[in-house]
Amino acid sequence: MENKRTCLYDKHVALGALISPFGGFDMPIQYSTIIDEHQAVRQACGVFDVSHMGEVTVRGNDAERYVNHIFTNDVTNAPDGQIFYGMMCYENGGTVDDLLVYKMGEADFFLVINAANIDKDWAWMQQQAEGFDIDMQNRSDFYAQLAVQGPEAEAVVEEVLGLPCADLQFYTGKRLSERADAPDAVETIISRTGYTGEDGFEIYGSADFIRELWDKLMASGRCKPCGLGCRDTLRFEVGLPLYGDELSDEISPVMSGLSMFCKFDKPEFIGKEALMRQKQEGVSRRVVGIELSGKAIPRHGYAVLKDGRQVGEVTTGYHTISTDKSVCMALVDVAYAKLGTELEIQIRRKTFPGVVVKKRFYDKHYKK
């Protein structure tokens, strides 16, 4: 099956981007180097094409009740424009996906899901919709999206793109166009969440609109094009999970240390009982941070050892660009998850010593 392409694909090729498959799309991995692009976001401003992400609208009398039913976080009585991070889970506590839920208005929600999971998520969400008075639409094929990230992002969005964003608080969003109700209709939405540990904005709109914004950003010289390579190094440094690595159908939010996004005091949500049991009784494995003493780089799938016996595996690993350390996140047996525990990582035929540390390897710089 052929990979999809975003509306900016030709522009990425024209800029000489390295293109590689990701989540069913041909996506730019890097333009110059991952290090240059990573530093641009940490120090100034970078822009990502994230049009591969999925978008689902949920509207109707039971919209809030339905979203609360499938979502671990609690959207009850939220003000318009509030955004929530959380998970959709199976009954056994395994993770369907992690996502953002935007409350756009009364009985009006906008859900942003991971590209690789769009078809799976949509089928699962439809299965859960029986008995709810809602109109739910998968609008993933109609929306394009940019993420403008970095300490200069606010100034760039306001001055280069002419989009009002300074009034947005962290984890809020707003429409910049009229509400769209037709299944193939697209509205313009801007939000302030980010997936890099820096201040940043997400802009959703039609393909033509997003192409126009991209051209303005490139012409300005104030915003560096960035690929998914540095998006991964940026999110990893600040301890943010990636579905398929730190979350999966076998890795629950509790195992990944994300219980804060599971609101156990709300009446119900799918997976609540299993997750409560995990939280109360404990889990067999946990996602931890590990710092290596040398320069060797741990990679996804590498074995984590204790006294020569495997006790886990690496989920994501890098030699960090911002802190110059070899670190990883790993799923390990809970007996070895305590801070300060000494472990080893097997890298090819050698083992390298490491120690369990906090998963956040670099401090976030969000605008609160």
Protein backbone atom coordinates (compact mmCIF):
# COMPACT_ATOMS: atom_id res chain seq x y z
CA MET A 1 0.00 0.00 0.00
CA GLU A 2 1.37 3.37 -1.04
CA ASN A 3 2.14 5.95 1.64
CA LYS A 4 0.09 9.13 1.79
CA ARG A 5 1.64 12.57 1.33
CA THR A 6 0.76 15.82 3.08
CA CYS A 7 -0.11 18.99 1.20
CA LEU A 8 3.44 20.25 1.80
CA TYR A 9 5.24 17.22 0.37
CA ASP A 10 6.45 19.00 -2.79
CA LYS A 11 7.76 21.88 -0.69
CA HIS A 12 9.74 19.49 1.50
CA VAL A 13 11.28 17.87 -1.58
CA ALA A 14 12.15 21.28 -3.02
CA LEU A 15 14.00 22.11 0.22
CA GLY A 16 16.03 18.92 -0.07
CA ALA A 17 14.44 17.17 2.89
CA LEU A 18 15.25 13.56 3.67
CA ILE A 19 11.90 11.80 3.24
CA SER A 20 11.02 8.59 5.04
CA PRO A 21 7.83 6.64 5.86
CA PHE A 22 6.16 7.47 9.17
CA GLY A 23 2.65 6.56 10.27
CA GLY A 24 1.60 5.69 6.73
CA PHE A 25 2.90 8.98 5.29
CA ASP A 26 6.05 10.02 3.43
CA MET A 27 7.34 12.62 5.90
CA PRO A 28 10.40 14.91 6.15
CA ILE A 29 12.89 13.52 8.69
CA GLN A 30 15.42 16.35 8.37
CA TYR A 31 16.37 19.22 6.08
CA SER A 32 19.86 20.23 7.26
CA THR A 33 20.80 18.19 10.33
CA ILE A 34 18.77 16.97 13.29
CA ILE A 35 21.13 18.85 15.61
CA ASP A 36 20.68 22.18 13.78
CA GLU A 37 16.92 21.81 13.72
CA HIS A 38 16.75 20.71 17.36
CA GLN A 39 18.79 23.75 18.45
CA ALA A 40 16.64 26.07 16.34
CA VAL A 41 13.58 25.02 18.35
CA ARG A 42 15.40 25.24 21.68
CA GLN A 43 16.92 28.66 20.92
CA ALA A 44 14.69 30.44 18.38
CA CYS A 45 11.87 29.02 16.21
CA GLY A 46 11.19 25.95 14.10
CA VAL A 47 8.18 24.81 12.09
CA PHE A 48 6.97 21.24 11.59
CA ASP A 49 4.56 19.85 9.04
CA VAL A 50 2.29 17.70 11.21
CA SER A 51 -0.53 17.39 8.69
CA HIS A 52 -0.32 13.60 9.06
CA MET A 53 -2.07 13.79 12.45
CA GLY A 54 -5.72 12.74 12.64
CA GLU A 55 -8.69 14.96 13.51
CA VAL A 56 -12.11 13.81 14.71
CA THR A 57 -15.07 16.04 15.61
CA VAL A 58 -17.66 14.99 18.19
CA ARG A 59 -20.82 17.07 18.46
CA GLY A 60 -24.34 16.63 19.78
CA ASN A 61 -26.34 16.35 22.98
CA ASP A 62 -24.17 13.54 24.37
CA ALA A 63 -20.81 14.83 23.09
CA GLU A 64 -19.38 15.58 26.53
CA ARG A 65 -20.66 12.31 28.01
CA TYR A 66 -19.25 10.31 25.09
CA VAL A 67 -15.82 11.98 25.22
CA ASN A 68 -15.66 11.38 28.98
CA HIS A 69 -16.60 7.74 28.36
CA ILE A 70 -13.70 7.01 26.00
CA PHE A 71 -11.13 9.43 27.50
CA THR A 72 -9.12 9.03 30.72
CA ASN A 73 -9.07 12.76 31.52
CA ASP A 74 -12.16 14.70 32.62
CA VAL A 75 -13.69 17.32 30.32
CA THR A 76 -16.70 18.02 32.55
CA ASN A 77 -17.61 21.71 32.99
CA ALA A 78 -14.52 22.86 31.09
CA PRO A 79 -14.54 26.36 29.60
CA ASP A 80 -14.63 26.74 25.83
CA GLY A 81 -11.12 26.63 24.42
CA GLN A 82 -9.70 24.32 27.09
CA ILE A 83 -7.47 21.48 25.84
CA PHE A 84 -6.88 18.18 27.62
CA TYR A 85 -4.18 15.53 27.21
CA GLY A 86 -5.04 11.93 28.00
CA MET A 87 -5.51 8.43 26.68
CA MET A 88 -8.16 6.17 25.22
CA CYS A 89 -7.85 2.73 26.80
CA TYR A 90 -9.14 -0.78 26.34
CA GLU A 91 -11.08 -2.45 29.14
CA ASN A 92 -7.86 -4.18 30.28
CA GLY A 93 -6.05 -0.83 30.66
CA GLY A 94 -3.95 -1.14 27.50
CA THR A 95 -3.67 2.08 25.50
CA VAL A 96 -5.66 2.58 22.29
CA ASP A 97 -3.92 5.93 21.74
CA ASP A 98 -2.90 9.12 23.48
CA LEU A 99 -4.55 12.27 22.19
CA LEU A 100 -5.53 15.89 22.69
CA VAL A 101 -9.17 16.85 23.25
CA TYR A 102 -10.18 20.44 22.44
CA LYS A 103 -13.44 21.71 23.90
CA MET A 104 -14.49 24.16 21.18
CA GLY A 105 -17.94 24.96 22.53
CA GLU A 106 -21.03 23.56 24.13
CA ALA A 107 -21.32 19.93 22.96
CA ASP A 108 -18.50 20.52 20.46
CA PHE A 109 -15.19 18.65 20.72
CA PHE A 110 -12.16 18.38 18.42
CA LEU A 111 -9.92 15.33 18.96
CA VAL A 112 -6.37 15.06 17.64
CA ILE A 113 -5.03 11.52 17.30
CA ASN A 114 -1.78 9.93 16.13
CA ALA A 115 -1.27 9.41 12.39
CA ALA A 116 -0.35 5.72 12.61
CA ASN A 117 -3.51 5.02 14.63
CA ILE A 118 -6.15 6.91 12.62
CA ASP A 119 -7.91 3.89 11.11
CA LYS A 120 -7.66 1.81 14.31
CA ASP A 121 -8.83 4.70 16.53
CA TRP A 122 -11.72 5.60 14.25
CA ALA A 123 -13.01 2.02 14.14
CA TRP A 124 -12.74 1.73 17.93
CA MET A 125 -14.41 5.10 18.54
CA GLN A 126 -17.31 4.15 16.31
CA GLN A 127 -17.75 0.89 18.23
CA GLN A 128 -18.05 2.84 21.49
CA ALA A 129 -20.57 5.37 20.10
CA GLU A 130 -23.65 3.15 20.29
CA GLY A 131 -26.37 4.66 22.49
CA PHE A 132 -24.90 8.20 22.40
CA ASP A 133 -26.70 11.08 20.68
CA ILE A 134 -23.68 12.42 18.80
CA ASP A 135 -22.54 13.34 15.31
CA MET A 136 -18.95 12.09 15.01
CA GLN A 137 -16.87 12.76 11.89
CA ASN A 138 -13.38 11.64 10.90
CA ARG A 139 -11.97 14.76 9.21
CA SER A 140 -8.36 13.62 9.06
CA ASP A 141 -8.22 13.76 5.25
CA PHE A 142 -9.33 17.38 5.15
CA TYR A 143 -7.13 19.07 7.75
CA ALA A 144 -3.53 20.18 7.38
CA GLN A 145 -1.48 21.34 10.37
CA LEU A 146 1.67 23.25 11.25
CA ALA A 147 3.46 23.31 14.61
CA VAL A 148 5.48 26.49 15.19
CA GLN A 149 7.76 25.88 18.17
CA GLY A 150 10.43 27.69 20.17
CA PRO A 151 10.99 30.75 22.39
CA GLU A 152 10.33 33.09 19.44
CA ALA A 153 7.20 31.24 18.26
CA GLU A 154 4.71 33.78 19.61
CA ALA A 155 6.42 36.70 17.87
CA VAL A 156 6.70 34.74 14.60
CA VAL A 157 3.05 33.67 14.57
CA GLU A 158 1.86 37.19 15.37
CA GLU A 159 4.24 39.19 13.16
CA VAL A 160 4.94 36.88 10.21
CA LEU A 161 1.62 35.05 9.96
CA GLY A 162 -0.57 37.81 11.37
CA LEU A 163 -2.47 35.34 13.56
CA PRO A 164 -3.53 36.49 17.05
CA CYS A 165 -2.04 34.08 19.58
CA ALA A 166 -0.55 36.08 22.48
CA ASP A 167 -3.84 35.82 24.39
CA LEU A 168 -3.74 32.02 24.44
CA GLN A 169 -2.78 30.39 27.72
CA PHE A 170 -0.98 27.05 27.83
CA TYR A 171 -3.30 24.24 26.71
CA THR A 172 -5.96 26.49 25.24
CA GLY A 173 -7.10 27.06 21.67
CA LYS A 174 -9.61 28.99 19.60
CA ARG A 175 -11.24 29.14 16.19
CA LEU A 176 -10.04 31.78 13.77
CA SER A 177 -12.88 31.06 11.34
CA GLU A 178 -16.54 30.14 11.48
CA ARG A 179 -17.52 26.72 12.80
CA ALA A 180 -17.62 24.15 9.99
CA ASP A 181 -20.36 21.52 10.08
CA ALA A 182 -20.16 19.67 6.75
CA PRO A 183 -18.17 16.40 6.83
CA ASP A 184 -15.58 17.75 4.37
CA ALA A 185 -15.47 21.27 5.80
CA VAL A 186 -12.38 22.73 7.44
CA GLU A 187 -12.12 25.52 9.97
CA THR A 188 -9.03 27.38 11.13
CA ILE A 189 -7.95 26.58 14.69
CA ILE A 190 -4.91 27.77 16.65
CA SER A 191 -3.75 26.34 19.96
CA ARG A 192 -0.84 26.51 22.39
CA THR A 193 0.29 23.05 23.50
CA GLY A 194 3.49 21.83 21.84
CA TYR A 195 5.35 18.54 21.85
CA THR A 196 8.87 19.90 22.21
CA GLY A 197 9.20 21.28 25.73
CA GLU A 198 9.25 24.82 24.34
CA ASP A 199 6.53 27.41 23.85
CA GLY A 200 4.67 26.76 20.64
CA PHE A 201 1.51 26.83 18.58
CA GLU A 202 -0.47 24.46 16.40
CA ILE A 203 -2.37 25.82 13.41
CA TYR A 204 -5.05 23.69 11.74
CA GLY A 205 -6.64 24.60 8.44
CA SER A 206 -7.20 23.74 4.79
CA ALA A 207 -4.36 22.57 2.57
CA ASP A 208 -4.31 25.89 0.69
CA PHE A 209 -4.20 27.89 3.91
CA ILE A 210 -1.40 25.83 5.41
CA ARG A 211 0.66 26.05 2.19
CA GLU A 212 0.27 29.81 2.30
CA LEU A 213 1.46 29.97 5.92
CA TRP A 214 4.43 27.71 5.18
CA ASP A 215 5.53 29.98 2.33
CA LYS A 216 5.32 33.04 4.57
CA LEU A 217 7.43 31.35 7.24
CA MET A 218 10.08 30.25 4.74
CA ALA A 219 10.22 33.71 3.12
CA SER A 220 10.62 35.42 6.50
CA GLY A 221 13.85 33.65 7.44
CA ARG A 222 12.68 33.69 11.05
CA CYS A 223 11.58 30.07 11.28
CA LYS A 224 13.65 27.00 10.38
CA PRO A 225 11.94 24.01 8.72
CA CYS A 226 12.23 21.00 11.01
CA GLY A 227 11.68 17.31 10.40
CA LEU A 228 10.34 14.50 12.52
CA GLY A 229 13.89 13.52 13.51
CA CYS A 230 14.32 16.47 15.83
CA ARG A 231 10.67 16.32 16.86
CA ASP A 232 11.54 12.99 18.45
CA THR A 233 14.74 14.23 20.11
CA LEU A 234 12.90 17.29 21.47
CA ARG A 235 9.93 15.40 22.94
CA PHE A 236 12.23 12.70 24.34
CA GLU A 237 14.47 15.15 26.23
CA VAL A 238 11.52 16.48 28.22
CA GLY A 239 10.08 13.04 28.94
CA LEU A 240 7.04 13.15 26.64
CA PRO A 241 5.81 9.72 25.46
CA LEU A 242 5.43 8.49 21.90
CA TYR A 243 2.72 5.96 21.13
CA GLY A 244 4.35 2.70 20.10
CA ASP A 245 7.33 3.37 22.36
CA GLU A 246 6.22 4.48 25.86
CA LEU A 247 2.53 3.68 25.34
CA SER A 248 0.89 0.79 23.49
CA ASP A 249 -1.88 -1.77 23.76
CA GLU A 250 0.44 -3.56 26.21
CA ILE A 251 1.75 -0.45 28.02
CA SER A 252 -0.90 1.29 30.11
CA PRO A 253 -0.85 4.92 31.29
CA VAL A 254 -0.08 3.66 34.81
CA MET A 255 2.93 1.69 33.58
CA SER A 256 4.12 4.76 31.68
CA GLY A 257 3.82 7.06 34.70
CA LEU A 258 0.85 8.99 33.28
CA SER A 259 -1.71 8.30 36.03
CA MET A 260 -2.14 12.06 36.54
CA PHE A 261 -4.07 12.09 33.26
CA CYS A 262 -6.46 9.36 34.48
CA LYS A 263 -9.23 10.96 36.52
CA PHE A 264 -10.36 8.13 38.76
CA ASP A 265 -12.81 10.37 40.61
CA LYS A 266 -15.09 10.71 37.57
CA PRO A 267 -17.95 8.18 37.38
CA GLU A 268 -16.59 6.00 34.61
CA PHE A 269 -14.38 5.67 31.56
CA ILE A 270 -13.31 2.66 29.52
CA GLY A 271 -10.48 0.91 31.33
CA LYS A 272 -11.05 2.67 34.66
CA GLU A 273 -11.39 -0.50 36.73
CA ALA A 274 -8.25 -2.09 35.29
CA LEU A 275 -6.20 1.08 35.69
CA MET A 276 -7.42 1.61 39.26
CA ARG A 277 -6.41 -1.94 40.07
CA GLN A 278 -2.96 -1.33 38.58
CA LYS A 279 -2.57 1.87 40.59
CA GLN A 280 -3.69 0.26 43.86
CA GLU A 281 -2.00 -3.14 43.52
CA GLY A 282 1.01 -2.06 41.48
CA VAL A 283 2.21 -3.05 38.04
CA SER A 284 4.83 -5.58 36.97
CA ARG A 285 6.72 -3.14 34.72
CA ARG A 286 7.30 0.60 34.58
CA VAL A 287 8.76 3.10 32.13
CA VAL A 288 11.85 4.72 33.67
CA GLY A 289 14.73 6.95 32.63
CA ILE A 290 18.25 5.55 32.48
CA GLU A 291 21.46 7.57 32.17
CA LEU A 292 24.56 5.85 30.83
CA SER A 293 28.02 6.80 32.05
CA GLY A 294 29.64 6.70 28.59
CA LYS A 295 28.89 7.91 25.07
CA ALA A 296 27.27 4.72 23.77
CA ILE A 297 23.76 5.31 22.41
CA PRO A 298 20.90 3.02 23.52
CA ARG A 299 18.23 2.39 20.89
CA HIS A 300 14.64 1.16 20.86
CA GLY A 301 14.49 -2.56 21.64
CA TYR A 302 17.92 -2.89 23.22
CA ALA A 303 17.98 -5.16 26.29
CA VAL A 304 18.19 -3.75 29.82
CA LEU A 305 20.12 -6.08 32.12
CA LYS A 306 20.71 -6.61 35.83
CA ASP A 307 23.65 -8.86 36.69
CA GLY A 308 23.52 -10.32 33.19
CA ARG A 309 19.80 -11.10 33.23
CA GLN A 310 17.34 -9.17 31.04
CA VAL A 311 14.89 -7.11 33.11
CA GLY A 312 13.54 -4.79 30.42
CA GLU A 313 14.04 -3.11 27.07
CA VAL A 314 14.74 0.40 25.79
CA THR A 315 11.73 2.27 24.41
CA THR A 316 13.57 5.41 23.19
CA GLY A 317 17.24 6.34 23.47
CA TYR A 318 19.57 9.12 22.30
CA HIS A 319 22.74 10.99 23.10
CA THR A 320 20.88 14.16 24.04
CA ILE A 321 21.57 17.26 22.02
CA SER A 322 20.73 19.75 24.80
CA THR A 323 22.59 18.07 27.68
CA ASP A 324 25.27 15.95 25.95
CA LYS A 325 24.36 12.73 27.80
CA SER A 326 23.53 9.20 26.69
CA VAL A 327 20.09 8.48 28.11
CA CYS A 328 17.03 6.40 27.38
CA MET A 329 13.54 5.59 28.49
CA ALA A 330 13.01 1.89 29.14
CA LEU A 331 10.26 -0.48 30.24
CA VAL A 332 11.71 -2.47 33.14
CA ASP A 333 10.54 -4.92 35.78
CA VAL A 334 9.18 -2.86 38.67
CA ALA A 335 11.77 -4.28 41.09
CA TYR A 336 14.41 -2.32 39.17
CA ALA A 337 12.45 0.90 38.60
CA LYS A 338 13.57 2.79 41.72
CA LEU A 339 15.67 5.92 41.22
CA GLY A 340 19.35 5.18 41.65
CA THR A 341 19.11 1.51 40.64
CA GLU A 342 22.18 0.42 38.71
CA LEU A 343 21.46 -1.42 35.44
CA GLU A 344 23.23 -2.22 32.19
CA ILE A 345 22.23 -1.68 28.56
CA GLN A 346 23.31 -4.22 25.98
CA ILE A 347 24.45 -2.38 22.85
CA ARG A 348 25.41 -4.88 20.20
CA ARG A 349 27.81 -7.31 21.90
CA LYS A 350 28.85 -5.06 24.79
CA THR A 351 27.10 -3.94 27.97
CA PHE A 352 27.27 -0.41 29.33
CA PRO A 353 26.50 0.64 32.92
CA GLY A 354 23.63 3.01 33.66
CA VAL A 355 21.52 4.26 36.53
CA VAL A 356 17.77 4.88 36.83
CA VAL A 357 16.98 8.61 36.79
CA LYS A 358 13.92 10.80 36.24
CA LYS A 359 12.46 10.57 32.72
CA ARG A 360 12.70 14.32 32.16
CA PHE A 361 16.25 14.84 30.94
CA TYR A 362 15.79 18.55 30.14
CA ASP A 363 13.60 21.22 31.75
CA LYS A 364 10.50 22.33 29.87
CA HIS A 365 10.10 26.00 28.96
CA TYR A 366 6.38 26.34 28.39
CA LYS A 367 4.71 29.71 28.80
CA LYS A 368 2.32 29.27 31.73
